[in-house]
Amino acid sequence: MENIKSIILGPEYDQDLRKKLRDIIISLQGKMGESSWGLAGSQEIFKIDAIFPETILSVEAETYVGLSITGDAGLVDKIADLIKR
């Protein structure tokens, strides 16, 4: 059973952060799955799965919450570390 972790990487509106996250996912042999978008009141939510050979991470951008990734703790930590560089 996987150890699941969620981390907020930064603001949801930061397009450079979103691009950097996508580039890191691809560099780690991940692929972007189908996305979804929704609006609930003043909250805008964008979701997409990052599909890796051994696991799937959930990526969410939510108004007032931020850009977050959720999934295998080791992979989440690795991606968060690469984002900081």
PDB file of N, CA and C in Angstrom:
ATOM      1  N   MET A   1       0.842  -1.193   0.000  1.00  0.00           N
ATOM      2  CA  MET A   1       0.000   0.000   0.000  1.00  0.00           C
ATOM      3  C   MET A   1       0.880   1.247   0.000  1.00  0.00           C
ATOM      4  N   GLU A   2       0.504   2.210  -0.825  1.00  0.00           N
ATOM      5  CA  GLU A   2       1.269   3.436  -0.954  1.00  0.00           C
ATOM      6  C   GLU A   2       1.054   4.362   0.239  1.00  0.00           C
ATOM      7  N   ASN A   3       2.087   5.115   0.546  1.00  0.00           N
ATOM      8  CA  ASN A   3       2.003   6.180   1.518  1.00  0.00           C
ATOM      9  C   ASN A   3       1.575   7.427   0.746  1.00  0.00           C
ATOM     10  N   ILE A   4       0.384   7.950   0.995  1.00  0.00           N
ATOM     11  CA  ILE A   4      -0.178   9.054   0.228  1.00  0.00           C
ATOM     12  C   ILE A   4       0.131  10.392   0.906  1.00  0.00           C
ATOM     13  N   LYS A   5       0.484  11.376   0.074  1.00  0.00           N
ATOM     14  CA  LYS A   5       0.813  12.707   0.580  1.00  0.00           C
ATOM     15  C   LYS A   5       0.257  13.747  -0.377  1.00  0.00           C
ATOM     16  N   SER A   6      -0.106  14.889   0.165  1.00  0.00           N
ATOM     17  CA  SER A   6      -0.571  16.007  -0.635  1.00  0.00           C
ATOM     18  C   SER A   6       0.237  17.242  -0.249  1.00  0.00           C
ATOM     19  N   ILE A   7       0.622  18.020  -1.244  1.00  0.00           N
ATOM     20  CA  ILE A   7       1.401  19.227  -0.976  1.00  0.00           C
ATOM     21  C   ILE A   7       0.956  20.335  -1.925  1.00  0.00           C
ATOM     22  N   ILE A   8       0.900  21.552  -1.408  1.00  0.00           N
ATOM     23  CA  ILE A   8       0.594  22.718  -2.234  1.00  0.00           C
ATOM     24  C   ILE A   8       1.914  23.310  -2.693  1.00  0.00           C
ATOM     25  N   LEU A   9       2.070  23.421  -4.004  1.00  0.00           N
ATOM     26  CA  LEU A   9       3.327  23.873  -4.597  1.00  0.00           C
ATOM     27  C   LEU A   9       3.418  25.383  -4.722  1.00  0.00           C
ATOM     28  N   GLY A  10       2.273  26.047  -4.812  1.00  0.00           N
ATOM     29  CA  GLY A  10       2.260  27.500  -4.990  1.00  0.00           C
ATOM     30  C   GLY A  10       0.886  27.956  -5.430  1.00  0.00           C
ATOM     31  N   PRO A  11       0.789  29.209  -5.886  1.00  0.00           N
ATOM     32  CA  PRO A  11      -0.506  29.749  -6.296  1.00  0.00           C
ATOM     33  C   PRO A  11      -1.048  29.080  -7.559  1.00  0.00           C
ATOM     34  N   GLU A  12      -2.344  28.910  -7.595  1.00  0.00           N
ATOM     35  CA  GLU A  12      -2.983  28.227  -8.725  1.00  0.00           C
ATOM     36  C   GLU A  12      -2.889  29.026 -10.021  1.00  0.00           C
ATOM     37  N   TYR A  13      -2.735  30.320  -9.934  1.00  0.00           N
ATOM     38  CA  TYR A  13      -2.705  31.173 -11.122  1.00  0.00           C
ATOM     39  C   TYR A  13      -1.304  31.323 -11.727  1.00  0.00           C
ATOM     40  N   ASP A  14      -0.295  30.736 -11.100  1.00  0.00           N
ATOM     41  CA  ASP A  14       1.092  30.869 -11.559  1.00  0.00           C
ATOM     42  C   ASP A  14       1.344  29.955 -12.768  1.00  0.00           C
ATOM     43  N   GLN A  15       1.276  30.538 -13.957  1.00  0.00           N
ATOM     44  CA  GLN A  15       1.431  29.758 -15.191  1.00  0.00           C
ATOM     45  C   GLN A  15       2.841  29.197 -15.349  1.00  0.00           C
ATOM     46  N   ASP A  16       3.850  29.932 -14.865  1.00  0.00           N
ATOM     47  CA  ASP A  16       5.225  29.423 -14.932  1.00  0.00           C
ATOM     48  C   ASP A  16       5.375  28.178 -14.051  1.00  0.00           C
ATOM     49  N   LEU A  17       4.740  28.193 -12.885  1.00  0.00           N
ATOM     50  CA  LEU A  17       4.771  27.034 -11.992  1.00  0.00           C
ATOM     51  C   LEU A  17       4.080  25.840 -12.635  1.00  0.00           C
ATOM     52  N   ARG A  18       2.946  26.075 -13.270  1.00  0.00           N
ATOM     53  CA  ARG A  18       2.235  24.987 -13.944  1.00  0.00           C
ATOM     54  C   ARG A  18       3.094  24.366 -15.047  1.00  0.00           C
ATOM     55  N   LYS A  19       3.769  25.220 -15.824  1.00  0.00           N
ATOM     56  CA  LYS A  19       4.629  24.719 -16.899  1.00  0.00           C
ATOM     57  C   LYS A  19       5.805  23.941 -16.320  1.00  0.00           C
ATOM     58  N   LYS A  20       6.407  24.464 -15.259  1.00  0.00           N
ATOM     59  CA  LYS A  20       7.531  23.780 -14.632  1.00  0.00           C
ATOM     60  C   LYS A  20       7.093  22.416 -14.095  1.00  0.00           C
ATOM     61  N   LEU A  21       5.917  22.350 -13.481  1.00  0.00           N
ATOM     62  CA  LEU A  21       5.403  21.081 -12.970  1.00  0.00           C
ATOM     63  C   LEU A  21       5.200  20.087 -14.110  1.00  0.00           C
ATOM     64  N   ARG A  22       4.597  20.534 -15.191  1.00  0.00           N
ATOM     65  CA  ARG A  22       4.377  19.652 -16.345  1.00  0.00           C
ATOM     66  C   ARG A  22       5.706  19.143 -16.893  1.00  0.00           C
ATOM     67  N   ASP A  23       6.671  20.036 -17.025  1.00  0.00           N
ATOM     68  CA  ASP A  23       7.990  19.647 -17.547  1.00  0.00           C
ATOM     69  C   ASP A  23       8.671  18.627 -16.633  1.00  0.00           C
ATOM     70  N   ILE A  24       8.550  18.808 -15.320  1.00  0.00           N
ATOM     71  CA  ILE A  24       9.146  17.870 -14.367  1.00  0.00           C
ATOM     72  C   ILE A  24       8.468  16.512 -14.457  1.00  0.00           C
ATOM     73  N   ILE A  25       7.158  16.505 -14.537  1.00  0.00           N
ATOM     74  CA  ILE A  25       6.414  15.245 -14.648  1.00  0.00           C
ATOM     75  C   ILE A  25       6.875  14.483 -15.888  1.00  0.00           C
ATOM     76  N   ILE A  26       6.987  15.171 -17.010  1.00  0.00           N
ATOM     77  CA  ILE A  26       7.422  14.530 -18.253  1.00  0.00           C
ATOM     78  C   ILE A  26       8.862  14.036 -18.130  1.00  0.00           C
ATOM     79  N   SER A  27       9.725  14.819 -17.474  1.00  0.00           N
ATOM     80  CA  SER A  27      11.128  14.407 -17.328  1.00  0.00           C
ATOM     81  C   SER A  27      11.269  13.165 -16.446  1.00  0.00           C
ATOM     82  N   LEU A  28      10.272  12.920 -15.592  1.00  0.00           N
ATOM     83  CA  LEU A  28      10.277  11.738 -14.720  1.00  0.00           C
ATOM     84  C   LEU A  28       9.502  10.573 -15.332  1.00  0.00           C
ATOM     85  N   GLN A  29       9.301  10.621 -16.641  1.00  0.00           N
ATOM     86  CA  GLN A  29       8.621   9.573 -17.409  1.00  0.00           C
ATOM     87  C   GLN A  29       7.114   9.516 -17.160  1.00  0.00           C
ATOM     88  N   GLY A  30       6.541  10.627 -16.704  1.00  0.00           N
ATOM     89  CA  GLY A  30       5.093  10.693 -16.511  1.00  0.00           C
ATOM     90  C   GLY A  30       4.404  11.238 -17.748  1.00  0.00           C
ATOM     91  N   LYS A  31       3.126  10.978 -17.845  1.00  0.00           N
ATOM     92  CA  LYS A  31       2.308  11.486 -18.938  1.00  0.00           C
ATOM     93  C   LYS A  31       1.089  12.161 -18.328  1.00  0.00           C
ATOM     94  N   MET A  32       0.633  13.203 -18.980  1.00  0.00           N
ATOM     95  CA  MET A  32      -0.543  13.904 -18.503  1.00  0.00           C
ATOM     96  C   MET A  32      -1.797  13.218 -19.033  1.00  0.00           C
ATOM     97  N   GLY A  33      -2.727  12.924 -18.130  1.00  0.00           N
ATOM     98  CA  GLY A  33      -3.981  12.287 -18.504  1.00  0.00           C
ATOM     99  C   GLY A  33      -5.015  13.325 -18.906  1.00  0.00           C
ATOM    100  N   GLU A  34      -6.264  12.907 -18.916  1.00  0.00           N
ATOM    101  CA  GLU A  34      -7.349  13.818 -19.262  1.00  0.00           C
ATOM    102  C   GLU A  34      -7.577  14.797 -18.123  1.00  0.00           C
ATOM    103  N   SER A  35      -7.996  15.994 -18.493  1.00  0.00           N
ATOM    104  CA  SER A  35      -8.230  17.023 -17.491  1.00  0.00           C
ATOM    105  C   SER A  35      -9.718  17.312 -17.358  1.00  0.00           C
ATOM    106  N   SER A  36     -10.061  17.957 -16.244  1.00  0.00           N
ATOM    107  CA  SER A  36     -11.427  18.423 -16.042  1.00  0.00           C
ATOM    108  C   SER A  36     -11.376  19.797 -15.393  1.00  0.00           C
ATOM    109  N   TRP A  37     -12.427  20.555 -15.605  1.00  0.00           N
ATOM    110  CA  TRP A  37     -12.507  21.899 -15.082  1.00  0.00           C
ATOM    111  C   TRP A  37     -13.912  22.114 -14.569  1.00  0.00           C
ATOM    112  N   GLY A  38     -14.024  22.822 -13.451  1.00  0.00           N
ATOM    113  CA  GLY A  38     -15.342  23.097 -12.913  1.00  0.00           C
ATOM    114  C   GLY A  38     -15.376  24.433 -12.202  1.00  0.00           C
ATOM    115  N   LEU A  39     -16.584  24.940 -12.023  1.00  0.00           N
ATOM    116  CA  LEU A  39     -16.797  26.206 -11.350  1.00  0.00           C
ATOM    117  C   LEU A  39     -17.891  26.002 -10.322  1.00  0.00           C
ATOM    118  N   ALA A  40     -17.612  26.366  -9.076  1.00  0.00           N
ATOM    119  CA  ALA A  40     -18.594  26.257  -7.996  1.00  0.00           C
ATOM    120  C   ALA A  40     -18.564  27.564  -7.223  1.00  0.00           C
ATOM    121  N   GLY A  41     -19.520  28.436  -7.495  1.00  0.00           N
ATOM    122  CA  GLY A  41     -19.507  29.750  -6.866  1.00  0.00           C
ATOM    123  C   GLY A  41     -18.303  30.522  -7.355  1.00  0.00           C
ATOM    124  N   SER A  42     -17.463  30.958  -6.426  1.00  0.00           N
ATOM    125  CA  SER A  42     -16.258  31.701  -6.805  1.00  0.00           C
ATOM    126  C   SER A  42     -15.039  30.792  -6.940  1.00  0.00           C
ATOM    127  N   GLN A  43     -15.222  29.498  -6.748  1.00  0.00           N
ATOM    128  CA  GLN A  43     -14.126  28.535  -6.816  1.00  0.00           C
ATOM    129  C   GLN A  43     -14.022  27.933  -8.208  1.00  0.00           C
ATOM    130  N   GLU A  44     -12.846  28.061  -8.803  1.00  0.00           N
ATOM    131  CA  GLU A  44     -12.544  27.424 -10.075  1.00  0.00           C
ATOM    132  C   GLU A  44     -11.598  26.270  -9.773  1.00  0.00           C
ATOM    133  N   ILE A  45     -11.910  25.084 -10.294  1.00  0.00           N
ATOM    134  CA  ILE A  45     -11.092  23.905 -10.014  1.00  0.00           C
ATOM    135  C   ILE A  45     -10.696  23.240 -11.330  1.00  0.00           C
ATOM    136  N   PHE A  46      -9.394  23.032 -11.487  1.00  0.00           N
ATOM    137  CA  PHE A  46      -8.844  22.321 -12.639  1.00  0.00           C
ATOM    138  C   PHE A  46      -8.144  21.075 -12.101  1.00  0.00           C
ATOM    139  N   LYS A  47      -8.448  19.919 -12.676  1.00  0.00           N
ATOM    140  CA  LYS A  47      -7.846  18.659 -12.238  1.00  0.00           C
ATOM    141  C   LYS A  47      -7.274  17.907 -13.425  1.00  0.00           C
ATOM    142  N   ILE A  48      -6.142  17.257 -13.182  1.00  0.00           N
ATOM    143  CA  ILE A  48      -5.531  16.407 -14.199  1.00  0.00           C
ATOM    144  C   ILE A  48      -4.718  15.327 -13.484  1.00  0.00           C
ATOM    145  N   ASP A  49      -4.660  14.149 -14.072  1.00  0.00           N
ATOM    146  CA  ASP A  49      -3.836  13.078 -13.514  1.00  0.00           C
ATOM    147  C   ASP A  49      -2.485  13.068 -14.206  1.00  0.00           C
ATOM    148  N   ALA A  50      -1.447  12.830 -13.425  1.00  0.00           N
ATOM    149  CA  ALA A  50      -0.113  12.601 -13.956  1.00  0.00           C
ATOM    150  C   ALA A  50       0.131  11.100 -13.833  1.00  0.00           C
ATOM    151  N   ILE A  51       0.243  10.432 -14.964  1.00  0.00           N
ATOM    152  CA  ILE A  51       0.306   8.972 -15.003  1.00  0.00           C
ATOM    153  C   ILE A  51       1.748   8.523 -15.163  1.00  0.00           C
ATOM    154  N   PHE A  52       2.221   7.769 -14.169  1.00  0.00           N
ATOM    155  CA  PHE A  52       3.567   7.206 -14.173  1.00  0.00           C
ATOM    156  C   PHE A  52       3.457   5.694 -14.307  1.00  0.00           C
ATOM    157  N   PRO A  53       4.527   5.014 -14.710  1.00  0.00           N
ATOM    158  CA  PRO A  53       4.462   3.563 -14.854  1.00  0.00           C
ATOM    159  C   PRO A  53       4.013   2.849 -13.576  1.00  0.00           C
ATOM    160  N   GLU A  54       4.385   3.373 -12.416  1.00  0.00           N
ATOM    161  CA  GLU A  54       4.097   2.676 -11.160  1.00  0.00           C
ATOM    162  C   GLU A  54       2.972   3.294 -10.330  1.00  0.00           C
ATOM    163  N   THR A  55       2.512   4.505 -10.695  1.00  0.00           N
ATOM    164  CA  THR A  55       1.493   5.169  -9.880  1.00  0.00           C
ATOM    165  C   THR A  55       0.856   6.314 -10.657  1.00  0.00           C
ATOM    166  N   ILE A  56      -0.170   6.902 -10.088  1.00  0.00           N
ATOM    167  CA  ILE A  56      -0.835   8.073 -10.660  1.00  0.00           C
ATOM    168  C   ILE A  56      -0.895   9.156  -9.588  1.00  0.00           C
ATOM    169  N   LEU A  57      -0.513  10.379  -9.969  1.00  0.00           N
ATOM    170  CA  LEU A  57      -0.641  11.528  -9.083  1.00  0.00           C
ATOM    171  C   LEU A  57      -1.816  12.378  -9.547  1.00  0.00           C
ATOM    172  N   SER A  58      -2.482  12.992  -8.605  1.00  0.00           N
ATOM    173  CA  SER A  58      -3.554  13.925  -8.915  1.00  0.00           C
ATOM    174  C   SER A  58      -3.005  15.343  -8.791  1.00  0.00           C
ATOM    175  N   VAL A  59      -3.221  16.144  -9.819  1.00  0.00           N
ATOM    176  CA  VAL A  59      -2.800  17.542  -9.818  1.00  0.00           C
ATOM    177  C   VAL A  59      -4.071  18.389  -9.832  1.00  0.00           C
ATOM    178  N   GLU A  60      -4.158  19.348  -8.906  1.00  0.00           N
ATOM    179  CA  GLU A  60      -5.323  20.221  -8.827  1.00  0.00           C
ATOM    180  C   GLU A  60      -4.892  21.668  -8.698  1.00  0.00           C
ATOM    181  N   ALA A  61      -5.595  22.532  -9.390  1.00  0.00           N
ATOM    182  CA  ALA A  61      -5.431  23.974  -9.241  1.00  0.00           C
ATOM    183  C   ALA A  61      -6.789  24.511  -8.812  1.00  0.00           C
ATOM    184  N   GLU A  62      -6.865  25.023  -7.591  1.00  0.00           N
ATOM    185  CA  GLU A  62      -8.137  25.486  -7.049  1.00  0.00           C
ATOM    186  C   GLU A  62      -7.985  26.911  -6.529  1.00  0.00           C
ATOM    187  N   THR A  63      -8.935  27.766  -6.900  1.00  0.00           N
ATOM    188  CA  THR A  63      -8.941  29.146  -6.453  1.00  0.00           C
ATOM    189  C   THR A  63      -8.878  29.214  -4.938  1.00  0.00           C
ATOM    190  N   TYR A  64      -8.045  30.083  -4.421  1.00  0.00           N
ATOM    191  CA  TYR A  64      -7.837  30.328  -2.982  1.00  0.00           C
ATOM    192  C   TYR A  64      -7.143  29.174  -2.263  1.00  0.00           C
ATOM    193  N   VAL A  65      -6.849  28.084  -2.953  1.00  0.00           N
ATOM    194  CA  VAL A  65      -6.153  26.941  -2.343  1.00  0.00           C
ATOM    195  C   VAL A  65      -4.746  26.842  -2.897  1.00  0.00           C
ATOM    196  N   GLY A  66      -4.617  26.796  -4.216  1.00  0.00           N
ATOM    197  CA  GLY A  66      -3.313  26.721  -4.846  1.00  0.00           C
ATOM    198  C   GLY A  66      -3.193  25.545  -5.791  1.00  0.00           C
ATOM    199  N   LEU A  67      -1.978  25.344  -6.276  1.00  0.00           N
ATOM    200  CA  LEU A  67      -1.643  24.228  -7.158  1.00  0.00           C
ATOM    201  C   LEU A  67      -1.095  23.108  -6.283  1.00  0.00           C
ATOM    202  N   SER A  68      -1.778  21.973  -6.285  1.00  0.00           N
ATOM    203  CA  SER A  68      -1.370  20.879  -5.402  1.00  0.00           C
ATOM    204  C   SER A  68      -1.185  19.582  -6.169  1.00  0.00           C
ATOM    205  N   ILE A  69      -0.372  18.705  -5.578  1.00  0.00           N
ATOM    206  CA  ILE A  69      -0.212  17.350  -6.096  1.00  0.00           C
ATOM    207  C   ILE A  69      -0.465  16.381  -4.952  1.00  0.00           C
ATOM    208  N   THR A  70      -1.097  15.258  -5.283  1.00  0.00           N
ATOM    209  CA  THR A  70      -1.437  14.243  -4.289  1.00  0.00           C
ATOM    210  C   THR A  70      -1.117  12.877  -4.860  1.00  0.00           C
ATOM    211  N   GLY A  71      -0.504  12.035  -4.030  1.00  0.00           N
ATOM    212  CA  GLY A  71      -0.202  10.676  -4.452  1.00  0.00           C
ATOM    213  C   GLY A  71       0.915  10.080  -3.635  1.00  0.00           C
ATOM    214  N   ASP A  72       1.663   9.163  -4.244  1.00  0.00           N
ATOM    215  CA  ASP A  72       2.765   8.483  -3.578  1.00  0.00           C
ATOM    216  C   ASP A  72       3.710   9.502  -2.938  1.00  0.00           C
ATOM    217  N   ALA A  73       3.930   9.379  -1.625  1.00  0.00           N
ATOM    218  CA  ALA A  73       4.699  10.366  -0.865  1.00  0.00           C
ATOM    219  C   ALA A  73       6.105  10.565  -1.412  1.00  0.00           C
ATOM    220  N   GLY A  74       6.782   9.501  -1.792  1.00  0.00           N
ATOM    221  CA  GLY A  74       8.137   9.618  -2.315  1.00  0.00           C
ATOM    222  C   GLY A  74       8.192  10.425  -3.588  1.00  0.00           C
ATOM    223  N   LEU A  75       7.258  10.182  -4.482  1.00  0.00           N
ATOM    224  CA  LEU A  75       7.218  10.905  -5.748  1.00  0.00           C
ATOM    225  C   LEU A  75       6.790  12.357  -5.538  1.00  0.00           C
ATOM    226  N   VAL A  76       5.825  12.580  -4.674  1.00  0.00           N
ATOM    227  CA  VAL A  76       5.386  13.940  -4.355  1.00  0.00           C
ATOM    228  C   VAL A  76       6.558  14.748  -3.798  1.00  0.00           C
ATOM    229  N   ASP A  77       7.301  14.160  -2.864  1.00  0.00           N
ATOM    230  CA  ASP A  77       8.464  14.846  -2.287  1.00  0.00           C
ATOM    231  C   ASP A  77       9.526  15.134  -3.344  1.00  0.00           C
ATOM    232  N   LYS A  78       9.757  14.183  -4.247  1.00  0.00           N
ATOM    233  CA  LYS A  78      10.757  14.362  -5.299  1.00  0.00           C
ATOM    234  C   LYS A  78      10.363  15.519  -6.214  1.00  0.00           C
ATOM    235  N   ILE A  79       9.109  15.561  -6.607  1.00  0.00           N
ATOM    236  CA  ILE A  79       8.626  16.629  -7.483  1.00  0.00           C
ATOM    237  C   ILE A  79       8.696  17.972  -6.764  1.00  0.00           C
ATOM    238  N   ALA A  80       8.281  18.033  -5.505  1.00  0.00           N
ATOM    239  CA  ALA A  80       8.330  19.279  -4.735  1.00  0.00           C
ATOM    240  C   ALA A  80       9.763  19.779  -4.627  1.00  0.00           C
ATOM    241  N   ASP A  81      10.713  18.880  -4.451  1.00  0.00           N
ATOM    242  CA  ASP A  81      12.118  19.261  -4.371  1.00  0.00           C
ATOM    243  C   ASP A  81      12.607  19.835  -5.706  1.00  0.00           C
ATOM    244  N   LEU A  82      12.209  19.215  -6.801  1.00  0.00           N
ATOM    245  CA  LEU A  82      12.619  19.698  -8.126  1.00  0.00           C
ATOM    246  C   LEU A  82      11.971  21.052  -8.451  1.00  0.00           C
ATOM    247  N   ILE A  83      10.760  21.280  -7.966  1.00  0.00           N
ATOM    248  CA  ILE A  83      10.084  22.564  -8.175  1.00  0.00           C
ATOM    249  C   ILE A  83      10.864  23.689  -7.506  1.00  0.00           C
ATOM    250  N   LYS A  84      11.424  23.413  -6.333  1.00  0.00           N
ATOM    251  CA  LYS A  84      12.158  24.443  -5.575  1.00  0.00           C
ATOM    252  C   LYS A  84      13.461  24.852  -6.232  1.00  0.00           C
ATOM    253  N   ARG A  85      14.001  24.031  -7.106  1.00  0.00           N
ATOM    254  CA  ARG A  85      15.298  24.320  -7.734  1.00  0.00           C
ATOM    255  C   ARG A  85      15.201  25.388  -8.790  1.00  0.00           C
TER     256      ARG A  85
END
